[in-house]
Protein backbone atom coordinates (compact mmCIF):
# COMPACT_ATOMS: atom_id res chain seq x y z
CA MET A 1 -26.74 -7.21 -8.81
CA ASN A 2 -27.81 -3.96 -10.52
CA VAL A 3 -25.80 -4.83 -13.58
CA SER A 4 -27.67 -8.11 -14.13
CA ARG A 5 -31.03 -6.28 -13.75
CA LEU A 6 -29.90 -3.60 -16.19
CA HIS A 7 -28.77 -6.28 -18.74
CA ARG A 8 -32.13 -8.02 -18.58
CA SER A 9 -34.02 -4.82 -19.01
CA GLN A 10 -32.01 -3.99 -22.12
CA ILE A 11 -32.86 -7.36 -23.60
CA ASP A 12 -36.60 -6.81 -22.79
CA LEU A 13 -36.46 -3.52 -24.48
CA LEU A 14 -35.42 -5.12 -27.75
CA LEU A 15 -37.89 -7.91 -27.64
CA PRO A 16 -40.54 -6.04 -29.68
CA ILE A 17 -37.97 -5.24 -32.39
CA ARG A 18 -36.88 -8.87 -32.41
CA GLN A 19 -40.43 -10.10 -32.76
CA TRP A 20 -41.10 -7.61 -35.49
CA LEU A 21 -38.08 -8.65 -37.44
CA GLU A 22 -38.96 -12.29 -37.06
CA SER A 23 -42.54 -11.72 -38.26
CA ILE A 24 -41.59 -10.04 -41.44
CA LYS A 25 -42.77 -12.06 -44.46
CA ILE A 26 -40.85 -11.56 -47.74
CA ALA A 27 -43.31 -11.44 -50.70
CA ASP A 28 -41.73 -8.98 -53.08
CA SER A 29 -38.62 -9.64 -55.08
CA GLY A 30 -37.48 -5.95 -54.93
CA ILE A 31 -37.60 -6.03 -51.13
CA ALA A 32 -35.82 -9.31 -51.10
CA HIS A 33 -33.08 -8.01 -53.31
CA LEU A 34 -32.68 -4.92 -51.10
CA VAL A 35 -32.40 -7.04 -47.97
CA CYS A 36 -29.77 -9.20 -49.51
CA GLN A 37 -27.73 -6.16 -50.63
CA VAL A 38 -28.04 -4.45 -47.33
CA ILE A 39 -27.36 -7.37 -44.93
CA PRO A 40 -23.90 -8.79 -45.70
CA ALA A 41 -23.21 -12.58 -45.99
CA ARG A 42 -20.12 -12.24 -43.77
CA CYS A 43 -19.23 -9.88 -41.03
CA PRO A 44 -17.49 -7.00 -42.66
CA PHE A 45 -15.40 -6.20 -39.56
CA GLU A 46 -13.45 -9.52 -39.49
CA ARG A 47 -9.89 -8.87 -40.45
CA LYS A 48 -6.55 -10.64 -40.52
CA ILE A 49 -3.48 -8.42 -40.63
CA GLN A 50 -0.65 -10.37 -42.04
CA LEU A 51 3.01 -9.66 -42.83
CA PHE A 52 5.06 -12.15 -44.80
CA ASN A 53 2.43 -14.81 -44.52
CA ARG A 54 2.25 -14.52 -40.75
CA THR A 55 -0.79 -13.27 -38.94
CA LEU A 56 0.10 -10.39 -36.79
CA LEU A 57 -3.34 -9.42 -35.67
CA TYR A 58 -6.71 -11.04 -36.03
CA ILE A 59 -9.88 -9.04 -35.47
CA PRO A 60 -12.83 -11.45 -34.80
CA PRO A 61 -16.26 -10.97 -36.27
CA LEU A 62 -17.95 -8.40 -34.20
CA CYS A 63 -21.40 -8.80 -35.73
CA LYS A 64 -22.34 -11.39 -33.11
CA LEU A 65 -22.20 -8.61 -30.50
CA ASN A 66 -25.21 -6.99 -32.21
CA PRO A 67 -28.23 -7.88 -30.18
CA LEU A 68 -30.33 -8.24 -33.34
CA TYR A 69 -27.75 -10.45 -35.22
CA GLU A 70 -29.80 -13.62 -35.26
CA GLN A 71 -33.03 -11.85 -36.54
CA LEU A 72 -31.07 -10.02 -39.34
CA VAL A 73 -29.45 -13.16 -40.49
CA GLU A 74 -32.83 -14.91 -40.47
CA LEU A 75 -34.37 -12.05 -42.51
CA ARG A 76 -31.49 -12.38 -45.07
CA TYR A 77 -32.17 -16.08 -45.17
CA LYS A 78 -35.82 -15.62 -45.76
CA SER A 79 -35.08 -13.28 -48.63
CA LEU A 80 -32.61 -15.58 -50.33
CA CYS A 81 -35.10 -18.46 -49.97
CA TYR A 82 -37.92 -16.33 -51.57
CA LEU A 83 -35.68 -15.33 -54.46
CA ALA A 84 -34.55 -18.90 -55.10
CA ASP A 85 -37.71 -20.89 -54.43
CA GLU A 86 -40.56 -18.50 -55.44
CA CYS A 87 -38.85 -16.34 -58.12
CA GLY A 88 -36.47 -19.00 -59.41
CA GLU A 89 -33.48 -16.64 -59.42
CA ASP A 90 -29.90 -17.56 -59.01
CA VAL A 91 -28.80 -16.21 -55.70
CA THR A 92 -25.09 -17.18 -55.85
CA SER A 93 -24.14 -13.51 -56.38
CA TYR A 94 -25.35 -12.91 -52.70
CA CYS A 95 -23.36 -15.58 -51.14
């Protein structure tokens, strides 16, 4: 019982940060480039350890354990859209 209450209170503590991340508007190409460089397109922790074309160990993407994962991905997406739509830049280097 206490564990479920503790889990809910942790989520509630992150709510203002989530709302702040979701409310960020991208209106500067420098900031958009920085966001796209800092937030990776793929989870950098995912790994496949192979030997002779056989997978010995697979480490799943751990980024989804981050409680702010959805908001960070959304911020990166907003930045990519701004660069492509508003600035007319080619964003394939960030994909």
